[in-house]
Amino acid sequence: MLLDLAYIFLIFFLFYIRGAFSTVRLGLNKKTKKKYAIKIINKPELDVDQQKNIQVEIDILKKVKHPHVISLEDIFETPSTLYVVMEL
């Protein structure tokens, strides 16, 4: 899955925001040149409650389509990292 992410997106490591259990970086779709926010979550750092909260967040974002709510574009996952691609 990570190869798919690298094939589709260029991730800028200089631009980021650090949260409680994730880092959000600027991503650029290589084909469309559209910018995205890519939330990078290190799964081994998460406790059980945080894992549940992340899953709830993803489930909500998958269902909600509204102009005032950030849309979920894609998800990529490796054994140790979850990449959540959202509109910017």
N, C-alpha and C. Protein backbone atom coordinates (compact mmCIF):
# COMPACT_ATOMS: atom_id res chain seq x y z
N MET A 1 0.81 -1.20 0.00
CA MET A 1 0.00 0.00 0.00
C MET A 1 0.85 1.27 0.00
N LEU A 2 1.99 1.22 0.67
CA LEU A 2 2.86 2.40 0.73
C LEU A 2 3.39 2.75 -0.65
N LEU A 3 3.63 1.75 -1.47
CA LEU A 3 4.08 2.02 -2.83
C LEU A 3 3.02 2.79 -3.60
N ASP A 4 1.75 2.46 -3.36
CA ASP A 4 0.65 3.19 -4.00
C ASP A 4 0.67 4.64 -3.56
N LEU A 5 0.87 4.89 -2.27
CA LEU A 5 0.92 6.25 -1.75
C LEU A 5 2.06 7.03 -2.40
N ALA A 6 3.22 6.44 -2.47
CA ALA A 6 4.39 7.12 -3.06
C ALA A 6 4.21 7.33 -4.56
N TYR A 7 3.49 6.45 -5.20
CA TYR A 7 3.25 6.58 -6.64
C TYR A 7 2.28 7.73 -6.93
N ILE A 8 1.30 7.91 -6.04
CA ILE A 8 0.25 8.91 -6.27
C ILE A 8 0.61 10.27 -5.68
N PHE A 9 1.23 10.29 -4.49
CA PHE A 9 1.44 11.54 -3.76
C PHE A 9 2.92 11.85 -3.52
N LEU A 10 3.22 13.13 -3.58
CA LEU A 10 4.50 13.65 -3.13
C LEU A 10 4.23 14.27 -1.77
N ILE A 11 4.93 13.82 -0.73
CA ILE A 11 4.69 14.33 0.62
C ILE A 11 5.81 15.29 0.99
N PHE A 12 5.42 16.49 1.39
CA PHE A 12 6.38 17.51 1.79
C PHE A 12 6.66 17.38 3.27
N PHE A 13 7.89 17.03 3.63
CA PHE A 13 8.22 16.81 5.02
C PHE A 13 8.58 18.09 5.75
N LEU A 14 8.72 19.21 5.04
CA LEU A 14 9.02 20.47 5.70
C LEU A 14 7.76 21.14 6.26
N PHE A 15 6.61 20.82 5.70
CA PHE A 15 5.35 21.42 6.12
C PHE A 15 4.57 20.40 6.94
N TYR A 16 4.40 20.67 8.23
CA TYR A 16 3.68 19.72 9.05
C TYR A 16 3.08 20.36 10.29
N ILE A 17 2.09 19.66 10.83
CA ILE A 17 1.47 20.02 12.10
C ILE A 17 1.49 18.76 12.95
N ARG A 18 1.95 18.86 14.18
CA ARG A 18 2.04 17.70 15.07
C ARG A 18 0.86 17.72 16.03
N GLY A 19 0.13 16.59 16.10
CA GLY A 19 -0.99 16.45 17.02
C GLY A 19 -0.65 15.49 18.13
N ALA A 20 -1.66 15.06 18.86
CA ALA A 20 -1.47 14.18 20.00
C ALA A 20 -0.88 12.83 19.59
N PHE A 21 -1.37 12.25 18.50
CA PHE A 21 -0.85 10.95 18.07
C PHE A 21 -0.67 10.86 16.56
N SER A 22 -0.56 12.01 15.92
CA SER A 22 -0.34 11.99 14.48
C SER A 22 0.40 13.25 14.03
N THR A 23 0.87 13.19 12.80
CA THR A 23 1.49 14.35 12.15
C THR A 23 0.74 14.56 10.85
N VAL A 24 0.41 15.80 10.55
CA VAL A 24 -0.26 16.12 9.29
C VAL A 24 0.73 16.84 8.40
N ARG A 25 0.90 16.31 7.20
CA ARG A 25 1.85 16.89 6.25
C ARG A 25 1.11 17.26 4.95
N LEU A 26 1.70 18.20 4.25
CA LEU A 26 1.17 18.60 2.96
C LEU A 26 1.53 17.55 1.92
N GLY A 27 0.54 17.12 1.15
CA GLY A 27 0.77 16.17 0.07
C GLY A 27 0.29 16.75 -1.25
N LEU A 28 0.92 16.33 -2.31
CA LEU A 28 0.58 16.81 -3.65
C LEU A 28 0.33 15.60 -4.54
N ASN A 29 -0.87 15.54 -5.14
CA ASN A 29 -1.15 14.48 -6.08
C ASN A 29 -0.29 14.71 -7.31
N LYS A 30 0.54 13.76 -7.66
CA LYS A 30 1.51 13.93 -8.74
C LYS A 30 0.83 14.11 -10.10
N LYS A 31 -0.33 13.53 -10.28
CA LYS A 31 -1.01 13.61 -11.58
C LYS A 31 -1.83 14.89 -11.70
N THR A 32 -2.66 15.19 -10.68
CA THR A 32 -3.58 16.33 -10.76
C THR A 32 -2.99 17.63 -10.21
N LYS A 33 -1.89 17.52 -9.45
CA LYS A 33 -1.25 18.66 -8.78
C LYS A 33 -2.12 19.27 -7.69
N LYS A 34 -3.15 18.56 -7.27
CA LYS A 34 -4.02 19.03 -6.20
C LYS A 34 -3.36 18.76 -4.84
N LYS A 35 -3.48 19.72 -3.92
CA LYS A 35 -2.88 19.60 -2.59
C LYS A 35 -3.85 18.90 -1.63
N TYR A 36 -3.27 18.10 -0.74
CA TYR A 36 -4.03 17.37 0.26
C TYR A 36 -3.32 17.44 1.61
N ALA A 37 -4.09 17.23 2.67
CA ALA A 37 -3.52 17.04 3.99
C ALA A 37 -3.39 15.53 4.20
N ILE A 38 -2.20 15.08 4.59
CA ILE A 38 -1.98 13.65 4.82
C ILE A 38 -1.65 13.46 6.30
N LYS A 39 -2.60 12.84 7.00
CA LYS A 39 -2.41 12.55 8.42
C LYS A 39 -1.64 11.24 8.53
N ILE A 40 -0.50 11.28 9.18
CA ILE A 40 0.37 10.12 9.32
C ILE A 40 0.32 9.67 10.78
N ILE A 41 -0.16 8.45 10.99
CA ILE A 41 -0.38 7.93 12.35
C ILE A 41 0.54 6.74 12.56
N ASN A 42 1.37 6.82 13.60
CA ASN A 42 2.27 5.73 13.97
C ASN A 42 1.48 4.78 14.87
N LYS A 43 1.03 3.66 14.31
CA LYS A 43 0.12 2.75 15.02
C LYS A 43 0.69 2.17 16.32
N PRO A 44 1.99 1.82 16.41
CA PRO A 44 2.49 1.27 17.67
C PRO A 44 2.41 2.25 18.86
N GLU A 45 2.31 3.54 18.58
CA GLU A 45 2.23 4.53 19.67
C GLU A 45 0.82 4.64 20.25
N LEU A 46 -0.17 4.06 19.59
CA LEU A 46 -1.56 4.21 20.00
C LEU A 46 -1.95 3.19 21.06
N ASP A 47 -2.69 3.66 22.06
CA ASP A 47 -3.28 2.71 23.00
C ASP A 47 -4.63 2.26 22.43
N VAL A 48 -5.31 1.38 23.12
CA VAL A 48 -6.55 0.80 22.60
C VAL A 48 -7.61 1.87 22.38
N ASP A 49 -7.76 2.82 23.30
CA ASP A 49 -8.76 3.88 23.15
C ASP A 49 -8.44 4.77 21.95
N GLN A 50 -7.19 5.10 21.75
CA GLN A 50 -6.80 5.93 20.61
C GLN A 50 -7.06 5.20 19.29
N GLN A 51 -6.80 3.89 19.26
CA GLN A 51 -7.09 3.10 18.06
C GLN A 51 -8.58 3.14 17.73
N LYS A 52 -9.41 3.02 18.76
CA LYS A 52 -10.86 3.08 18.56
C LYS A 52 -11.27 4.47 18.07
N ASN A 53 -10.69 5.52 18.65
CA ASN A 53 -11.02 6.89 18.24
C ASN A 53 -10.65 7.14 16.78
N ILE A 54 -9.50 6.65 16.37
CA ILE A 54 -9.08 6.80 14.97
C ILE A 54 -10.06 6.08 14.05
N GLN A 55 -10.45 4.88 14.43
CA GLN A 55 -11.39 4.12 13.59
C GLN A 55 -12.74 4.82 13.50
N VAL A 56 -13.21 5.39 14.61
CA VAL A 56 -14.47 6.14 14.61
C VAL A 56 -14.35 7.36 13.71
N GLU A 57 -13.24 8.09 13.80
CA GLU A 57 -13.01 9.27 12.95
C GLU A 57 -13.05 8.88 11.47
N ILE A 58 -12.38 7.81 11.11
CA ILE A 58 -12.34 7.36 9.73
C ILE A 58 -13.74 6.92 9.26
N ASP A 59 -14.45 6.19 10.11
CA ASP A 59 -15.80 5.75 9.75
C ASP A 59 -16.73 6.94 9.51
N ILE A 60 -16.62 7.96 10.34
CA ILE A 60 -17.45 9.17 10.18
C ILE A 60 -17.08 9.88 8.88
N LEU A 61 -15.78 10.07 8.65
CA LEU A 61 -15.34 10.77 7.44
C LEU A 61 -15.75 10.03 6.17
N LYS A 62 -15.81 8.70 6.22
CA LYS A 62 -16.24 7.91 5.06
C LYS A 62 -17.71 8.16 4.73
N LYS A 63 -18.52 8.42 5.76
CA LYS A 63 -19.96 8.56 5.59
C LYS A 63 -20.41 9.99 5.29
N VAL A 64 -19.71 10.97 5.83
CA VAL A 64 -20.15 12.36 5.73
C VAL A 64 -19.64 13.00 4.46
N LYS A 65 -20.55 13.54 3.69
CA LYS A 65 -20.21 14.32 2.50
C LYS A 65 -20.95 15.66 2.62
N HIS A 66 -20.24 16.68 3.03
CA HIS A 66 -20.84 17.99 3.26
C HIS A 66 -19.80 19.05 2.93
N PRO A 67 -20.22 20.18 2.33
CA PRO A 67 -19.25 21.21 1.93
C PRO A 67 -18.49 21.85 3.09
N HIS A 68 -19.01 21.72 4.32
CA HIS A 68 -18.35 22.33 5.48
C HIS A 68 -17.59 21.32 6.34
N VAL A 69 -17.44 20.10 5.82
CA VAL A 69 -16.70 19.05 6.53
C VAL A 69 -15.59 18.56 5.60
N ILE A 70 -14.38 18.48 6.13
CA ILE A 70 -13.24 18.00 5.34
C ILE A 70 -13.53 16.59 4.84
N SER A 71 -13.32 16.37 3.56
CA SER A 71 -13.63 15.05 3.01
C SER A 71 -12.41 14.12 3.04
N LEU A 72 -12.70 12.87 3.25
CA LEU A 72 -11.69 11.82 3.23
C LEU A 72 -11.48 11.40 1.78
N GLU A 73 -10.26 11.47 1.30
CA GLU A 73 -9.96 11.12 -0.09
C GLU A 73 -9.49 9.68 -0.23
N ASP A 74 -8.63 9.23 0.69
CA ASP A 74 -8.08 7.88 0.57
C ASP A 74 -7.41 7.49 1.88
N ILE A 75 -7.15 6.20 2.03
CA ILE A 75 -6.45 5.67 3.19
C ILE A 75 -5.41 4.67 2.69
N PHE A 76 -4.20 4.78 3.22
CA PHE A 76 -3.13 3.82 2.92
C PHE A 76 -2.63 3.30 4.26
N GLU A 77 -2.32 2.00 4.31
CA GLU A 77 -1.92 1.42 5.59
C GLU A 77 -0.77 0.45 5.39
N THR A 78 0.18 0.52 6.32
CA THR A 78 1.26 -0.45 6.43
C THR A 78 1.12 -1.09 7.81
N PRO A 79 1.90 -2.10 8.13
CA PRO A 79 1.79 -2.69 9.47
C PRO A 79 2.04 -1.68 10.60
N SER A 80 2.84 -0.64 10.35
CA SER A 80 3.17 0.28 11.44
C SER A 80 2.60 1.69 11.27
N THR A 81 2.08 2.03 10.09
CA THR A 81 1.66 3.41 9.84
C THR A 81 0.35 3.45 9.08
N LEU A 82 -0.48 4.43 9.46
CA LEU A 82 -1.74 4.68 8.76
C LEU A 82 -1.64 6.06 8.15
N TYR A 83 -1.94 6.18 6.86
CA TYR A 83 -1.91 7.43 6.14
C TYR A 83 -3.35 7.77 5.74
N VAL A 84 -3.87 8.88 6.24
CA VAL A 84 -5.23 9.31 5.94
C VAL A 84 -5.13 10.57 5.08
N VAL A 85 -5.60 10.46 3.84
CA VAL A 85 -5.50 11.56 2.89
C VAL A 85 -6.83 12.32 2.88
N MET A 86 -6.76 13.62 3.21
CA MET A 86 -7.96 14.44 3.30
C MET A 86 -7.80 15.69 2.46
N GLU A 87 -8.94 16.27 2.06
CA GLU A 87 -8.87 17.51 1.30
C GLU A 87 -8.22 18.58 2.16
N LEU A 88 -7.63 19.53 1.52
CA LEU A 88 -6.94 20.61 2.23
C LEU A 88 -7.82 21.82 2.34
